[in-house]
Amino acid sequence: IANRYTITGGLYTGPGSMFLDTDTTLTNFVYNGEGSVYAWRSRVMVSNGYIFTSGSATGLVVSNGAEACNVTVKVSGTGAGIVNDGKISNCEAYSSGGSGIVSSALGDLDGVFNCYGYSNGGSGINISSGICYNSIGRSTATQGIFIDLRNAPELVNCVGWSSVAAGIYIHSSGNSGKLVNCYAESELNTTSGHGFLMANGTTKFINCTAKTANAGAFGIKGSSSNAYITNFTGEGMTTLFDGVTNLQVNTTDVFGNPGSVG
């Protein structure tokens, strides 16, 4: 679809993909095929649509400067539901073999907002950089939400749920990740079913909650990890933290919660 076109309505089928160029709008549509819908250039808007994709293709690809809202994506193959480098809001993505939503967007206005990612083959939501607000990641294969500390991610009002692993997994050795008002739950009834799982690094946990099915699991399980922990609560576990050093100075209770954010 060439520059500056608006396409409203339509059923698009076949093995091929759809490419939307600069200043193009696609709305009120259905795509059913083996390819992808590409919001490929700046100021592209994809909205109010349904995307059904099979095979190895990603359902929806949102490039830097593009946006998608109110789009439902279902991938029956190995591809991710949505790969985002721009802004997605009020979207739902389901994948049988890949992650539901993968986002690497940067900037205060781009990222993942009010979205739902579900996967039977990967993470519900995978954040390699950028922000994720008011969103839910669910997985029956790995973590509900995966975030990479190296690229300063920020999760606010998010939920990570997993039936086989940690609810939210915090990866690598960055020092600027932040989780605010987040909830992580694991339904895995073993000592590996942690709420939050950290691999090195330092991050902030502010007003977060964890739930585990097994009392021997932890609210936050770390590996040489540091955390600024404020008002953390847990349900199901006997011990809240393991392998995590709380960097707060003024602790006020037995859980290591301080009176102020460090």
Protein backbone atom coordinates (compact mmCIF):
# COMPACT_ATOMS: atom_id res chain seq x y z
CA ILE A 1 0.00 0.00 0.00
CA ALA A 2 1.73 3.15 -1.24
CA ASN A 3 2.32 6.44 0.55
CA ARG A 4 -0.56 8.44 2.00
CA TYR A 5 -3.36 5.98 1.26
CA THR A 6 -6.21 5.14 3.61
CA ILE A 7 -7.67 1.66 3.24
CA THR A 8 -10.90 0.95 5.11
CA GLY A 9 -12.44 -2.51 5.23
CA GLY A 10 -11.58 -5.61 3.27
CA LEU A 11 -10.60 -9.25 3.61
CA TYR A 12 -7.01 -9.93 2.51
CA THR A 13 -5.97 -13.52 1.88
CA GLY A 14 -3.17 -15.51 0.34
CA PRO A 15 0.41 -16.46 1.15
CA GLY A 16 1.72 -12.91 0.61
CA SER A 17 2.30 -10.15 3.17
CA MET A 18 0.92 -6.62 3.32
CA PHE A 19 3.37 -3.68 3.39
CA LEU A 20 2.16 -0.22 4.41
CA ASP A 21 4.32 2.72 3.38
CA THR A 22 4.69 6.20 4.94
CA ASP A 23 1.52 8.00 6.13
CA THR A 24 -0.72 5.04 5.30
CA THR A 25 -3.76 3.92 7.30
CA LEU A 26 -5.29 0.45 7.33
CA THR A 27 -8.45 0.03 9.39
CA ASN A 28 -11.47 -2.26 9.88
CA PHE A 29 -9.82 -5.14 8.05
CA VAL A 30 -9.16 -8.89 8.22
CA TYR A 31 -5.93 -10.52 7.05
CA ASN A 32 -5.88 -14.31 6.73
CA GLY A 33 -2.77 -15.89 5.24
CA GLU A 34 0.76 -17.14 5.70
CA GLY A 35 2.51 -13.77 5.73
CA SER A 36 2.60 -10.65 7.90
CA VAL A 37 1.05 -7.21 8.07
CA TYR A 38 3.88 -4.67 8.11
CA ALA A 39 3.37 -1.18 9.50
CA TRP A 40 6.57 -0.50 7.65
CA ARG A 41 7.23 3.26 7.70
CA SER A 42 6.72 6.43 9.77
CA ARG A 43 3.20 7.52 10.66
CA VAL A 44 1.59 4.28 9.53
CA MET A 45 -1.54 3.39 11.51
CA VAL A 46 -3.04 -0.10 11.67
CA SER A 47 -6.26 -0.26 13.67
CA ASN A 48 -9.45 -2.21 14.35
CA GLY A 49 -8.33 -5.35 12.60
CA TYR A 50 -7.92 -9.11 12.86
CA ILE A 51 -4.80 -10.90 11.67
CA PHE A 52 -4.69 -14.69 11.32
CA THR A 53 -1.28 -16.07 10.34
CA SER A 54 0.10 -19.58 9.95
CA GLY A 55 3.60 -20.88 9.31
CA SER A 56 6.70 -19.10 10.58
CA ALA A 57 5.65 -15.52 9.90
CA THR A 58 5.03 -12.87 12.53
CA GLY A 59 1.44 -11.70 12.54
CA LEU A 60 2.02 -7.93 12.84
CA VAL A 61 5.29 -6.00 12.53
CA VAL A 62 5.24 -2.39 13.78
CA SER A 63 8.30 -0.36 12.80
CA ASN A 64 9.78 2.70 14.48
CA GLY A 65 7.44 5.64 13.93
CA ALA A 66 4.41 3.45 13.23
CA GLU A 67 1.47 2.56 15.46
CA ALA A 68 -1.15 -0.16 15.91
CA CYS A 69 -4.23 -0.09 18.10
CA ASN A 70 -7.25 -2.32 18.66
CA VAL A 71 -5.76 -5.17 16.64
CA THR A 72 -6.18 -8.87 17.46
CA VAL A 73 -3.47 -11.20 16.16
CA LYS A 74 -3.56 -14.99 16.18
CA VAL A 75 -0.56 -17.00 14.95
CA SER A 76 -1.02 -20.75 14.59
CA GLY A 77 2.61 -21.37 13.60
CA THR A 78 6.00 -20.61 15.11
CA GLY A 79 6.09 -16.86 14.54
CA ALA A 80 5.53 -14.19 17.17
CA GLY A 81 2.18 -12.51 17.41
CA ILE A 82 3.41 -8.90 17.30
CA VAL A 83 6.95 -7.56 16.88
CA ASN A 84 6.98 -3.91 17.90
CA ASP A 85 9.51 -1.13 17.44
CA GLY A 86 6.91 1.64 17.56
CA LYS A 87 3.74 1.92 19.62
CA ILE A 88 1.01 -0.65 20.18
CA SER A 89 -2.06 -0.09 22.33
CA ASN A 90 -5.17 -2.10 23.17
CA CYS A 91 -3.88 -5.03 21.13
CA GLU A 92 -4.17 -8.76 21.78
CA ALA A 93 -1.66 -11.27 20.45
CA TYR A 94 -1.72 -15.07 20.63
CA SER A 95 0.99 -17.40 19.34
CA SER A 96 1.23 -21.17 19.34
CA GLY A 97 4.99 -21.35 18.83
CA GLY A 98 6.53 -17.91 19.43
CA SER A 99 6.15 -15.11 21.93
CA GLY A 100 2.87 -13.24 22.01
CA ILE A 101 4.40 -9.74 21.92
CA VAL A 102 8.05 -8.82 21.35
CA SER A 103 8.94 -5.15 21.85
CA SER A 104 12.18 -3.18 21.46
CA ALA A 105 10.67 0.31 21.23
CA LEU A 106 12.51 3.29 22.71
CA GLY A 107 11.23 6.68 23.78
CA ASP A 108 8.58 7.93 26.17
CA LEU A 109 5.74 7.74 23.65
CA ASP A 110 6.50 4.33 22.15
CA GLY A 111 6.18 0.88 23.68
CA VAL A 112 3.39 -1.45 24.78
CA PHE A 113 0.20 -0.03 26.33
CA ASN A 114 -2.91 -1.86 27.54
CA CYS A 115 -2.03 -5.03 25.65
CA TYR A 116 -2.42 -8.76 26.21
CA GLY A 117 0.16 -11.31 25.05
CA TYR A 118 -0.39 -15.07 25.27
CA SER A 119 1.90 -17.87 24.13
CA ASN A 120 2.10 -21.63 24.11
CA GLY A 121 5.66 -21.56 22.76
CA GLY A 122 7.44 -18.50 24.17
CA SER A 123 6.93 -15.58 26.53
CA GLY A 124 3.59 -13.87 26.72
CA ILE A 125 5.39 -10.49 26.45
CA ASN A 126 9.11 -10.07 25.72
CA ILE A 127 10.56 -6.59 26.39
CA SER A 128 14.15 -6.12 25.21
CA SER A 129 13.98 -2.35 25.77
CA GLY A 130 11.47 0.41 26.38
CA ILE A 131 8.28 0.62 28.38
CA CYS A 132 5.30 -1.62 28.98
CA TYR A 133 2.25 -0.23 30.79
CA ASN A 134 -1.01 -1.81 31.94
CA SER A 135 -0.37 -5.06 30.09
CA ILE A 136 -0.64 -8.79 30.76
CA GLY A 137 1.68 -11.57 29.62
CA ARG A 138 0.65 -15.19 29.99
CA SER A 139 2.58 -18.29 28.95
CA THR A 140 2.23 -22.04 29.13
CA ALA A 141 5.78 -22.52 27.81
CA THR A 142 8.07 -20.14 29.71
CA GLN A 143 7.81 -16.80 31.55
CA GLY A 144 4.71 -14.67 31.37
CA ILE A 145 6.84 -11.54 30.90
CA PHE A 146 10.54 -11.42 29.99
CA ILE A 147 12.47 -8.13 30.35
CA ASP A 148 16.10 -7.32 29.55
CA LEU A 149 17.79 -5.15 32.18
CA ARG A 150 20.56 -3.99 29.83
CA ASN A 151 18.24 -1.64 27.96
CA ALA A 152 16.53 0.17 30.85
CA PRO A 153 13.05 -1.34 30.61
CA GLU A 154 10.16 -0.08 32.67
CA LEU A 155 7.09 -2.12 33.60
CA VAL A 156 4.17 -0.32 35.23
CA ASN A 157 0.88 -1.95 36.27
CA CYS A 158 1.78 -5.18 34.48
CA VAL A 159 0.95 -8.83 35.19
CA GLY A 160 3.14 -11.81 34.33
CA TRP A 161 1.65 -15.28 34.66
CA SER A 162 3.15 -18.67 33.87
CA SER A 163 2.03 -22.24 34.34
CA VAL A 164 5.54 -23.70 33.89
CA ALA A 165 8.08 -21.09 35.06
CA ALA A 166 8.43 -17.73 36.80
CA GLY A 167 5.73 -15.17 36.28
CA ILE A 168 8.22 -12.40 35.37
CA TYR A 169 11.86 -13.03 34.41
CA ILE A 170 14.39 -10.18 34.65
CA HIS A 171 17.43 -10.88 32.49
CA SER A 172 21.09 -9.86 32.39
CA SER A 173 23.32 -7.30 34.05
CA GLY A 174 21.86 -3.84 33.55
CA ASN A 175 21.34 -1.38 36.38
CA SER A 176 18.31 0.71 35.45
CA GLY A 177 15.28 -1.55 35.19
CA LYS A 178 12.15 -0.62 37.12
CA LEU A 179 8.97 -2.48 38.03
CA VAL A 180 6.11 -0.48 39.55
CA ASN A 181 2.82 -1.99 40.75
CA CYS A 182 3.56 -5.26 39.00
CA TYR A 183 2.18 -8.71 39.81
CA ALA A 184 3.96 -11.99 39.03
CA GLU A 185 2.38 -15.39 39.49
CA SER A 186 3.59 -18.92 38.86
CA GLU A 187 1.25 -21.87 38.93
CA LEU A 188 4.17 -24.31 38.70
CA ASN A 189 3.89 -26.31 41.90
CA THR A 190 7.62 -26.94 42.37
CA THR A 191 10.43 -25.00 44.03
CA SER A 192 11.25 -23.50 40.59
CA GLY A 193 7.90 -21.76 40.31
CA HIS A 194 8.99 -18.30 41.50
CA GLY A 195 7.03 -15.08 41.20
CA PHE A 196 9.97 -12.98 39.94
CA LEU A 197 13.24 -14.50 38.72
CA MET A 198 16.39 -12.35 38.38
CA ALA A 199 19.62 -13.17 36.57
CA ASN A 200 22.24 -10.72 37.86
CA GLY A 201 21.82 -6.97 37.61
CA THR A 202 20.13 -4.34 39.72
CA THR A 203 16.52 -3.23 39.47
CA LYS A 204 13.80 -1.50 41.46
CA PHE A 205 10.67 -3.22 42.76
CA ILE A 206 8.09 -0.68 43.89
CA ASN A 207 4.73 -1.87 45.26
CA CYS A 208 5.03 -5.28 43.59
CA THR A 209 3.34 -8.57 44.48
CA ALA A 210 4.25 -12.21 43.85
CA LYS A 211 2.24 -15.40 44.16
CA THR A 212 3.54 -18.97 44.04
CA ALA A 213 1.85 -22.36 44.08
CA ASN A 214 4.73 -23.94 46.00
CA ALA A 215 5.75 -22.75 49.46
CA GLY A 216 9.40 -23.56 48.71
CA ALA A 217 9.55 -21.10 45.81
CA PHE A 218 10.33 -17.41 46.31
CA GLY A 219 8.73 -14.08 45.64
CA ILE A 220 12.01 -12.93 44.09
CA LYS A 221 14.66 -15.53 43.28
CA GLY A 222 18.00 -14.03 42.27
CA SER A 223 21.45 -15.04 41.12
CA SER A 224 24.00 -12.53 42.45
CA SER A 225 21.27 -9.91 42.07
CA ASN A 226 20.66 -6.54 43.69
CA ALA A 227 17.31 -4.86 44.18
CA TYR A 228 15.79 -1.73 45.63
CA ILE A 229 12.70 -3.25 47.23
CA THR A 230 9.82 -1.11 48.42
CA ASN A 231 6.53 -2.49 49.75
CA PHE A 232 6.84 -5.99 48.35
CA THR A 233 4.17 -8.53 49.28
CA GLY A 234 3.89 -12.23 48.62
CA GLU A 235 1.39 -15.07 48.75
CA GLY A 236 2.09 -18.79 48.82
CA MET A 237 5.83 -18.76 49.55
CA THR A 238 7.44 -19.26 52.95
CA THR A 239 10.31 -16.87 52.21
CA LEU A 240 10.00 -13.77 50.06
CA PHE A 241 13.58 -13.36 48.74
CA ASP A 242 16.54 -15.60 47.90
CA GLY A 243 19.86 -14.69 46.26
CA VAL A 244 18.86 -11.01 46.23
CA THR A 245 20.61 -8.22 48.11
CA ASN A 246 18.25 -5.44 49.15
CA LEU A 247 20.06 -2.15 48.52
CA GLN A 248 17.62 -0.06 50.55
CA VAL A 249 19.18 1.41 53.67
CA ASN A 250 16.28 2.22 55.97
CA THR A 251 14.36 -1.02 56.35
CA THR A 252 11.23 -0.90 58.46
CA ASP A 253 9.98 -4.49 58.62
CA VAL A 254 11.13 -8.09 58.50
CA PHE A 255 10.61 -8.22 54.73
CA GLY A 256 13.24 -5.58 54.04
CA ASN A 257 10.80 -2.87 52.98
CA PRO A 258 12.17 0.64 53.47
CA GLY A 259 10.40 3.82 54.38
CA SER A 260 11.39 5.47 51.08
CA VAL A 261 12.55 4.52 47.62
CA GLY A 262 16.32 4.17 47.36
